[in-house]
Structure formats: structure tokens, C-alpha cells
Amino acid sequence: KALSAAVAAIEKDFGEEGRVLIRYSGTEPKLRLLVEGKDKKRVVDGLKDLEKAACCDLDVIAR
């Protein structure tokens, strides 16, 4: 739930000016998090929020 909420919040914040992509690896136990936008600080903050949310929702061993 935290990850879905984080994605929704970032998408709302960026609107048409950015995008969020979350993808599980098909061959390794890895999750790819991507945030794109024009404002570097907003992108970095959004990525940190996604990382925290993913760690809350998933069994994370290492980052």
C-alpha cells in the first residue's frame, strides 16, 4: 500500500512534467525504481520516497 500511495503522490506532484516507473526484474530479486522530471531535487526526493515505501511494503534484505 505504501508503494502505491507513493507512486500516486509523485505522479500527482509531477503531473505531465514527469513519470514514475517501477519494474521487477524477471531474472533477479531486484526492483527498479525510476523517477524522471525537469527538477532534479523533486526527482531525487521522489526516488527517496519510493525507496522508503518499497522497503516498507517488501521484504528487503539489502539496498
PDB file of N, CA and C in Angstrom:
ATOM      1  N   LYS A   1       0.811  -1.205   0.000  1.00  0.00           N
ATOM      2  CA  LYS A   1       0.000   0.000   0.000  1.00  0.00           C
ATOM      3  C   LYS A   1       0.850   1.262   0.000  1.00  0.00           C
ATOM      4  N   ALA A   2       1.938   1.242   0.745  1.00  0.00           N
ATOM      5  CA  ALA A   2       2.788   2.433   0.816  1.00  0.00           C
ATOM      6  C   ALA A   2       3.384   2.758  -0.550  1.00  0.00           C
ATOM      7  N   LEU A   3       3.768   1.740  -1.288  1.00  0.00           N
ATOM      8  CA  LEU A   3       4.377   1.957  -2.603  1.00  0.00           C
ATOM      9  C   LEU A   3       3.361   2.544  -3.579  1.00  0.00           C
ATOM     10  N   SER A   4       2.160   2.020  -3.582  1.00  0.00           N
ATOM     11  CA  SER A   4       1.109   2.555  -4.456  1.00  0.00           C
ATOM     12  C   SER A   4       0.785   4.000  -4.105  1.00  0.00           C
ATOM     13  N   ALA A   5       0.735   4.292  -2.812  1.00  0.00           N
ATOM     14  CA  ALA A   5       0.453   5.658  -2.366  1.00  0.00           C
ATOM     15  C   ALA A   5       1.582   6.604  -2.763  1.00  0.00           C
ATOM     16  N   ALA A   6       2.818   6.144  -2.649  1.00  0.00           N
ATOM     17  CA  ALA A   6       3.964   6.976  -3.028  1.00  0.00           C
ATOM     18  C   ALA A   6       3.946   7.271  -4.526  1.00  0.00           C
ATOM     19  N   VAL A   7       3.647   6.269  -5.330  1.00  0.00           N
ATOM     20  CA  VAL A   7       3.568   6.468  -6.786  1.00  0.00           C
ATOM     21  C   VAL A   7       2.484   7.491  -7.109  1.00  0.00           C
ATOM     22  N   ALA A   8       1.317   7.333  -6.500  1.00  0.00           N
ATOM     23  CA  ALA A   8       0.211   8.257  -6.759  1.00  0.00           C
ATOM     24  C   ALA A   8       0.575   9.687  -6.365  1.00  0.00           C
ATOM     25  N   ALA A   9       1.243   9.850  -5.233  1.00  0.00           N
ATOM     26  CA  ALA A   9       1.631  11.185  -4.770  1.00  0.00           C
ATOM     27  C   ALA A   9       2.645  11.828  -5.712  1.00  0.00           C
ATOM     28  N   ILE A  10       3.612  11.046  -6.162  1.00  0.00           N
ATOM     29  CA  ILE A  10       4.633  11.584  -7.073  1.00  0.00           C
ATOM     30  C   ILE A  10       4.007  11.934  -8.420  1.00  0.00           C
ATOM     31  N   GLU A  11       3.155  11.056  -8.936  1.00  0.00           N
ATOM     32  CA  GLU A  11       2.500  11.331 -10.215  1.00  0.00           C
ATOM     33  C   GLU A  11       1.630  12.578 -10.125  1.00  0.00           C
ATOM     34  N   LYS A  12       0.955  12.757  -9.002  1.00  0.00           N
ATOM     35  CA  LYS A  12       0.130  13.951  -8.812  1.00  0.00           C
ATOM     36  C   LYS A  12       1.010  15.194  -8.752  1.00  0.00           C
ATOM     37  N   ASP A  13       2.124  15.105  -8.029  1.00  0.00           N
ATOM     38  CA  ASP A  13       3.043  16.234  -7.891  1.00  0.00           C
ATOM     39  C   ASP A  13       3.649  16.638  -9.238  1.00  0.00           C
ATOM     40  N   PHE A  14       4.061  15.666 -10.035  1.00  0.00           N
ATOM     41  CA  PHE A  14       4.714  15.951 -11.312  1.00  0.00           C
ATOM     42  C   PHE A  14       3.717  16.268 -12.424  1.00  0.00           C
ATOM     43  N   GLY A  15       2.550  15.692 -12.369  1.00  0.00           N
ATOM     44  CA  GLY A  15       1.584  15.902 -13.438  1.00  0.00           C
ATOM     45  C   GLY A  15       2.147  15.420 -14.762  1.00  0.00           C
ATOM     46  N   GLU A  16       2.059  16.262 -15.767  1.00  0.00           N
ATOM     47  CA  GLU A  16       2.557  15.922 -17.108  1.00  0.00           C
ATOM     48  C   GLU A  16       4.059  16.180 -17.254  1.00  0.00           C
ATOM     49  N   GLU A  17       4.703  16.692 -16.203  1.00  0.00           N
ATOM     50  CA  GLU A  17       6.109  17.077 -16.291  1.00  0.00           C
ATOM     51  C   GLU A  17       7.081  15.979 -15.886  1.00  0.00           C
ATOM     52  N   GLY A  18       6.592  14.775 -15.637  1.00  0.00           N
ATOM     53  CA  GLY A  18       7.491  13.699 -15.233  1.00  0.00           C
ATOM     54  C   GLY A  18       6.808  12.351 -15.321  1.00  0.00           C
ATOM     55  N   ARG A  19       7.553  11.320 -14.909  1.00  0.00           N
ATOM     56  CA  ARG A  19       6.961   9.982 -14.912  1.00  0.00           C
ATOM     57  C   ARG A  19       7.624   9.119 -13.851  1.00  0.00           C
ATOM     58  N   VAL A  20       6.892   8.081 -13.472  1.00  0.00           N
ATOM     59  CA  VAL A  20       7.351   7.117 -12.472  1.00  0.00           C
ATOM     60  C   VAL A  20       7.229   5.732 -13.088  1.00  0.00           C
ATOM     61  N   LEU A  21       8.265   4.924 -12.916  1.00  0.00           N
ATOM     62  CA  LEU A  21       8.244   3.550 -13.413  1.00  0.00           C
ATOM     63  C   LEU A  21       8.795   2.638 -12.329  1.00  0.00           C
ATOM     64  N   ILE A  22       8.066   1.575 -12.047  1.00  0.00           N
ATOM     65  CA  ILE A  22       8.526   0.553 -11.109  1.00  0.00           C
ATOM     66  C   ILE A  22       8.483  -0.765 -11.854  1.00  0.00           C
ATOM     67  N   ARG A  23       9.584  -1.494 -11.819  1.00  0.00           N
ATOM     68  CA  ARG A  23       9.666  -2.749 -12.575  1.00  0.00           C
ATOM     69  C   ARG A  23      10.444  -3.781 -11.783  1.00  0.00           C
ATOM     70  N   TYR A  24       9.849  -4.953 -11.654  1.00  0.00           N
ATOM     71  CA  TYR A  24      10.542  -6.083 -11.040  1.00  0.00           C
ATOM     72  C   TYR A  24      11.395  -6.771 -12.091  1.00  0.00           C
ATOM     73  N   SER A  25      12.569  -7.213 -11.689  1.00  0.00           N
ATOM     74  CA  SER A  25      13.427  -7.979 -12.584  1.00  0.00           C
ATOM     75  C   SER A  25      12.814  -9.359 -12.777  1.00  0.00           C
ATOM     76  N   GLY A  26      12.895  -9.854 -13.982  1.00  0.00           N
ATOM     77  CA  GLY A  26      12.393 -11.192 -14.254  1.00  0.00           C
ATOM     78  C   GLY A  26      13.406 -12.287 -13.954  1.00  0.00           C
ATOM     79  N   THR A  27      14.647 -11.895 -13.744  1.00  0.00           N
ATOM     80  CA  THR A  27      15.704 -12.890 -13.548  1.00  0.00           C
ATOM     81  C   THR A  27      16.413 -12.784 -12.205  1.00  0.00           C
ATOM     82  N   GLU A  28      16.250 -11.657 -11.511  1.00  0.00           N
ATOM     83  CA  GLU A  28      16.926 -11.454 -10.229  1.00  0.00           C
ATOM     84  C   GLU A  28      15.935 -10.867  -9.226  1.00  0.00           C
ATOM     85  N   PRO A  29      16.206 -11.033  -7.941  1.00  0.00           N
ATOM     86  CA  PRO A  29      15.317 -10.453  -6.929  1.00  0.00           C
ATOM     87  C   PRO A  29      15.601  -8.955  -6.754  1.00  0.00           C
ATOM     88  N   LYS A  30      15.300  -8.189  -7.796  1.00  0.00           N
ATOM     89  CA  LYS A  30      15.576  -6.755  -7.785  1.00  0.00           C
ATOM     90  C   LYS A  30      14.349  -5.982  -8.238  1.00  0.00           C
ATOM     91  N   LEU A  31      14.253  -4.769  -7.732  1.00  0.00           N
ATOM     92  CA  LEU A  31      13.185  -3.858  -8.104  1.00  0.00           C
ATOM     93  C   LEU A  31      13.830  -2.603  -8.676  1.00  0.00           C
ATOM     94  N   ARG A  32      13.385  -2.202  -9.853  1.00  0.00           N
ATOM     95  CA  ARG A  32      13.921  -0.989 -10.484  1.00  0.00           C
ATOM     96  C   ARG A  32      12.941   0.150 -10.225  1.00  0.00           C
ATOM     97  N   LEU A  33      13.465   1.247  -9.702  1.00  0.00           N
ATOM     98  CA  LEU A  33      12.661   2.434  -9.431  1.00  0.00           C
ATOM     99  C   LEU A  33      13.169   3.563 -10.321  1.00  0.00           C
ATOM    100  N   LEU A  34      12.268   4.203 -11.051  1.00  0.00           N
ATOM    101  CA  LEU A  34      12.654   5.282 -11.952  1.00  0.00           C
ATOM    102  C   LEU A  34      11.718   6.463 -11.744  1.00  0.00           C
ATOM    103  N   VAL A  35      12.297   7.627 -11.548  1.00  0.00           N
ATOM    104  CA  VAL A  35      11.537   8.876 -11.496  1.00  0.00           C
ATOM    105  C   VAL A  35      12.228   9.837 -12.451  1.00  0.00           C
ATOM    106  N   GLU A  36      11.474  10.394 -13.377  1.00  0.00           N
ATOM    107  CA  GLU A  36      12.021  11.353 -14.337  1.00  0.00           C
ATOM    108  C   GLU A  36      11.251  12.658 -14.241  1.00  0.00           C
ATOM    109  N   GLY A  37      11.971  13.756 -14.383  1.00  0.00           N
ATOM    110  CA  GLY A  37      11.339  15.068 -14.368  1.00  0.00           C
ATOM    111  C   GLY A  37      12.365  16.145 -14.643  1.00  0.00           C
ATOM    112  N   LYS A  38      11.902  17.386 -14.717  1.00  0.00           N
ATOM    113  CA  LYS A  38      12.780  18.507 -15.042  1.00  0.00           C
ATOM    114  C   LYS A  38      13.533  19.033 -13.828  1.00  0.00           C
ATOM    115  N   ASP A  39      12.950  18.916 -12.647  1.00  0.00           N
ATOM    116  CA  ASP A  39      13.541  19.457 -11.421  1.00  0.00           C
ATOM    117  C   ASP A  39      14.290  18.350 -10.679  1.00  0.00           C
ATOM    118  N   LYS A  40      15.613  18.458 -10.638  1.00  0.00           N
ATOM    119  CA  LYS A  40      16.447  17.397 -10.053  1.00  0.00           C
ATOM    120  C   LYS A  40      16.092  17.126  -8.593  1.00  0.00           C
ATOM    121  N   LYS A  41      15.852  18.159  -7.805  1.00  0.00           N
ATOM    122  CA  LYS A  41      15.529  17.963  -6.390  1.00  0.00           C
ATOM    123  C   LYS A  41      14.232  17.182  -6.228  1.00  0.00           C
ATOM    124  N   ARG A  42      13.218  17.515  -7.008  1.00  0.00           N
ATOM    125  CA  ARG A  42      11.944  16.790  -6.933  1.00  0.00           C
ATOM    126  C   ARG A  42      12.127  15.335  -7.346  1.00  0.00           C
ATOM    127  N   VAL A  43      12.951  15.097  -8.350  1.00  0.00           N
ATOM    128  CA  VAL A  43      13.215  13.726  -8.801  1.00  0.00           C
ATOM    129  C   VAL A  43      13.902  12.929  -7.695  1.00  0.00           C
ATOM    130  N   VAL A  44      14.942  13.502  -7.095  1.00  0.00           N
ATOM    131  CA  VAL A  44      15.678  12.812  -6.028  1.00  0.00           C
ATOM    132  C   VAL A  44      14.769  12.560  -4.828  1.00  0.00           C
ATOM    133  N   ASP A  45      13.987  13.564  -4.442  1.00  0.00           N
ATOM    134  CA  ASP A  45      13.064  13.395  -3.317  1.00  0.00           C
ATOM    135  C   ASP A  45      12.024  12.317  -3.618  1.00  0.00           C
ATOM    136  N   GLY A  46      11.505  12.315  -4.833  1.00  0.00           N
ATOM    137  CA  GLY A  46      10.528  11.300  -5.223  1.00  0.00           C
ATOM    138  C   GLY A  46      11.121   9.906  -5.197  1.00  0.00           C
ATOM    139  N   LEU A  47      12.347   9.777  -5.655  1.00  0.00           N
ATOM    140  CA  LEU A  47      13.019   8.480  -5.649  1.00  0.00           C
ATOM    141  C   LEU A  47      13.249   7.992  -4.223  1.00  0.00           C
ATOM    142  N   LYS A  48      13.636   8.887  -3.333  1.00  0.00           N
ATOM    143  CA  LYS A  48      13.811   8.516  -1.921  1.00  0.00           C
ATOM    144  C   LYS A  48      12.491   8.055  -1.313  1.00  0.00           C
ATOM    145  N   ASP A  49      11.401   8.745  -1.652  1.00  0.00           N
ATOM    146  CA  ASP A  49      10.085   8.344  -1.154  1.00  0.00           C
ATOM    147  C   ASP A  49       9.704   6.957  -1.664  1.00  0.00           C
ATOM    148  N   LEU A  50       9.980   6.686  -2.937  1.00  0.00           N
ATOM    149  CA  LEU A  50       9.691   5.364  -3.499  1.00  0.00           C
ATOM    150  C   LEU A  50      10.513   4.284  -2.815  1.00  0.00           C
ATOM    151  N   GLU A  51      11.781   4.566  -2.572  1.00  0.00           N
ATOM    152  CA  GLU A  51      12.651   3.590  -1.922  1.00  0.00           C
ATOM    153  C   GLU A  51      12.144   3.256  -0.519  1.00  0.00           C
ATOM    154  N   LYS A  52      11.783   4.268   0.247  1.00  0.00           N
ATOM    155  CA  LYS A  52      11.251   4.042   1.598  1.00  0.00           C
ATOM    156  C   LYS A  52       9.968   3.221   1.549  1.00  0.00           C
ATOM    157  N   ALA A  53       9.086   3.571   0.626  1.00  0.00           N
ATOM    158  CA  ALA A  53       7.818   2.861   0.503  1.00  0.00           C
ATOM    159  C   ALA A  53       8.035   1.408   0.089  1.00  0.00           C
ATOM    160  N   ALA A  54       8.956   1.173  -0.835  1.00  0.00           N
ATOM    161  CA  ALA A  54       9.249  -0.196  -1.273  1.00  0.00           C
ATOM    162  C   ALA A  54       9.802  -1.012  -0.113  1.00  0.00           C
ATOM    163  N   CYS A  55      10.662  -0.410   0.690  1.00  0.00           N
ATOM    164  CA  CYS A  55      11.224  -1.118   1.848  1.00  0.00           C
ATOM    165  C   CYS A  55      10.140  -1.455   2.866  1.00  0.00           C
ATOM    166  N   CYS A  56       9.135  -0.600   2.988  1.00  0.00           N
ATOM    167  CA  CYS A  56       8.023  -0.865   3.911  1.00  0.00           C
ATOM    168  C   CYS A  56       7.140  -2.007   3.411  1.00  0.00           C
ATOM    169  N   ASP A  57       6.889  -2.024   2.112  1.00  0.00           N
ATOM    170  CA  ASP A  57       5.954  -2.995   1.541  1.00  0.00           C
ATOM    171  C   ASP A  57       6.575  -4.350   1.232  1.00  0.00           C
ATOM    172  N   LEU A  58       7.865  -4.396   1.002  1.00  0.00           N
ATOM    173  CA  LEU A  58       8.517  -5.624   0.551  1.00  0.00           C
ATOM    174  C   LEU A  58       9.537  -6.107   1.571  1.00  0.00           C
ATOM    175  N   ASP A  59       9.833  -7.379   1.542  1.00  0.00           N
ATOM    176  CA  ASP A  59      10.894  -7.934   2.377  1.00  0.00           C
ATOM    177  C   ASP A  59      12.229  -7.587   1.738  1.00  0.00           C
ATOM    178  N   VAL A  60      12.880  -6.570   2.260  1.00  0.00           N
ATOM    179  CA  VAL A  60      14.133  -6.086   1.688  1.00  0.00           C
ATOM    180  C   VAL A  60      15.297  -6.578   2.529  1.00  0.00           C
ATOM    181  N   ILE A  61      16.244  -7.224   1.866  1.00  0.00           N
ATOM    182  CA  ILE A  61      17.431  -7.730   2.549  1.00  0.00           C
ATOM    183  C   ILE A  61      18.549  -6.701   2.467  1.00  0.00           C
ATOM    184  N   ALA A  62      18.761  -6.133   1.288  1.00  0.00           N
ATOM    185  CA  ALA A  62      19.839  -5.160   1.093  1.00  0.00           C
ATOM    186  C   ALA A  62      19.407  -4.119   0.084  1.00  0.00           C
ATOM    187  N   ARG A  63      20.085  -2.979   0.120  1.00  0.00           N
ATOM    188  CA  ARG A  63      19.785  -1.918  -0.854  1.00  0.00           C
ATOM    189  C   ARG A  63      20.966  -1.716  -1.741  1.00  0.00           C
TER     190      ARG A  63
END
